[in-house]
Amino acid sequence: MPRFEANDLDGLLRNYISPDADTTRRRAAWALGRIEVDRINYHNLRITINRLTSPITAEAEFDGSVSFRDRRGEFPYNNYAARFKLELELRDGRWLVTGHEERDALGVRHEEDRY
């Protein structure tokens, strides 16, 4: 199963992120192109499922952190923490991310034009 920790961008995009989730796909491509992930942790996970939509949708919110190695050696740190909100849809029996919001530890929202 592809995960960020596997540093498998193609598998992540193919299996977990909707083809029409442009911003989320760009963020994943930027991140995995720039860093090599060592470990990811998450906590405070809250999932809300809406079965009244078609297709069924969900929202997942959690605090996440990643330990990484900067491929360019330019970052002065090797850890990143943020609050994430993922939008998901159940398509053909599997959940796909259709969008995301990311706020770093200072509460700064990462906008589309940054990656």
Protein backbone atom coordinates (compact mmCIF):
# COMPACT_ATOMS: atom_id res chain seq x y z
CA MET A 1 0.00 0.00 0.00
CA PRO A 2 1.60 3.30 -1.09
CA ARG A 3 2.04 5.86 1.65
CA PHE A 4 3.96 9.06 2.11
CA GLU A 5 6.45 7.08 4.19
CA ALA A 6 7.12 4.88 1.15
CA ASN A 7 7.99 8.06 -0.80
CA ASP A 8 5.81 6.65 -3.61
CA LEU A 9 4.27 9.65 -5.36
CA ASP A 10 2.85 7.67 -8.28
CA GLY A 11 1.12 5.18 -5.96
CA LEU A 12 -0.19 7.97 -3.76
CA LEU A 13 -1.65 9.88 -6.71
CA ARG A 14 -3.02 6.77 -8.40
CA ASN A 15 -4.61 5.15 -5.34
CA TYR A 16 -5.48 7.84 -2.81
CA ILE A 17 -5.93 11.28 -4.38
CA SER A 18 -8.74 12.03 -6.83
CA PRO A 19 -7.58 12.91 -10.37
CA ASP A 20 -9.54 16.18 -10.12
CA ALA A 21 -7.99 17.25 -6.78
CA ASP A 22 -5.47 19.54 -8.50
CA THR A 23 -4.28 21.49 -5.45
CA THR A 24 -3.83 18.39 -3.31
CA ARG A 25 -2.02 16.58 -6.11
CA ARG A 26 0.33 19.53 -6.58
CA ARG A 27 1.04 19.70 -2.83
CA ALA A 28 1.84 15.97 -2.69
CA ALA A 29 4.09 16.24 -5.76
CA TRP A 30 5.88 19.27 -4.30
CA ALA A 31 6.37 17.59 -0.91
CA LEU A 32 7.62 14.24 -2.18
CA GLY A 33 9.76 15.95 -4.80
CA ARG A 34 11.40 18.12 -2.18
CA ILE A 35 11.72 15.80 0.83
CA GLU A 36 12.30 12.17 1.67
CA VAL A 37 9.88 11.13 4.40
CA ASP A 38 11.28 9.19 7.34
CA ARG A 39 8.22 8.99 9.60
CA ILE A 40 4.69 10.38 9.80
CA ASN A 41 2.54 10.58 12.92
CA TYR A 42 -1.00 11.79 13.44
CA HIS A 43 -3.30 12.25 16.40
CA ASN A 44 -6.61 13.91 17.33
CA LEU A 45 -8.26 12.27 14.31
CA ARG A 46 -11.92 13.14 13.79
CA ILE A 47 -13.85 11.72 10.84
CA THR A 48 -17.31 12.89 9.81
CA ILE A 49 -19.16 10.89 7.14
CA ASN A 50 -22.05 12.32 5.15
CA ARG A 51 -24.15 9.49 3.73
CA LEU A 52 -26.73 11.92 2.33
CA THR A 53 -24.47 13.02 -0.52
CA SER A 54 -23.93 11.18 -3.77
CA PRO A 55 -21.26 9.97 -3.79
CA ILE A 56 -20.87 9.61 -0.02
CA THR A 57 -18.42 12.18 1.34
CA ALA A 58 -16.34 12.52 4.47
CA GLU A 59 -14.13 15.00 6.23
CA ALA A 60 -11.09 13.95 8.26
CA GLU A 61 -9.36 16.39 10.60
CA PHE A 62 -6.14 15.61 12.45
CA ASP A 63 -2.86 16.95 13.74
CA GLY A 64 0.05 15.53 11.79
CA SER A 65 3.80 15.66 11.92
CA VAL A 66 6.48 14.45 9.57
CA SER A 67 10.19 13.77 10.06
CA PHE A 68 12.07 14.12 6.80
CA ARG A 69 15.31 14.72 4.94
CA ASP A 70 15.44 17.73 2.62
CA ARG A 71 16.65 16.49 -0.77
CA ARG A 72 18.29 19.89 -1.43
CA GLY A 73 19.74 20.34 2.04
CA GLU A 74 18.25 23.84 2.31
CA PHE A 75 15.68 23.50 5.12
CA PRO A 76 17.10 24.41 8.53
CA TYR A 77 14.90 21.75 10.15
CA ASN A 78 13.80 18.16 9.54
CA ASN A 79 10.36 18.13 11.17
CA TYR A 80 7.06 19.69 10.17
CA ALA A 81 3.77 19.82 12.09
CA ALA A 82 0.38 20.99 10.86
CA ARG A 83 -3.39 20.69 11.33
CA PHE A 84 -4.96 18.96 8.32
CA LYS A 85 -8.48 18.75 7.01
CA LEU A 86 -9.09 16.28 4.19
CA GLU A 87 -12.21 16.12 2.04
CA LEU A 88 -12.96 12.63 0.74
CA GLU A 89 -15.42 10.85 -1.55
CA LEU A 90 -16.29 7.17 -1.65
CA ARG A 91 -15.78 6.14 -5.28
CA ASP A 92 -15.96 2.56 -6.51
CA GLY A 93 -15.62 1.22 -2.98
CA ARG A 94 -12.58 3.27 -1.96
CA TRP A 95 -12.05 6.65 -0.34
CA LEU A 96 -10.25 9.28 -2.42
CA VAL A 97 -9.02 12.64 -1.18
CA THR A 98 -10.76 15.38 -3.17
CA GLY A 99 -9.25 18.36 -1.37
CA HIS A 100 -7.35 19.47 1.67
CA GLU A 101 -6.60 22.35 3.97
CA GLU A 102 -3.34 22.63 5.86
CA ARG A 103 -2.42 24.99 8.68
CA ASP A 104 1.08 24.90 10.12
CA ALA A 105 1.90 25.02 13.83
CA LEU A 106 1.56 28.81 13.78
CA GLY A 107 -1.90 28.59 12.21
CA VAL A 108 -0.73 29.80 8.80
CA ARG A 109 -2.80 28.32 6.02
CA HIS A 110 -0.80 26.96 3.10
CA GLU A 111 -2.36 28.34 -0.03
CA GLU A 112 -2.34 26.84 -3.52
CA ASP A 113 0.15 29.34 -4.97
CA ARG A 114 2.88 28.26 -2.55
CA TYR A 115 3.45 24.94 -4.34
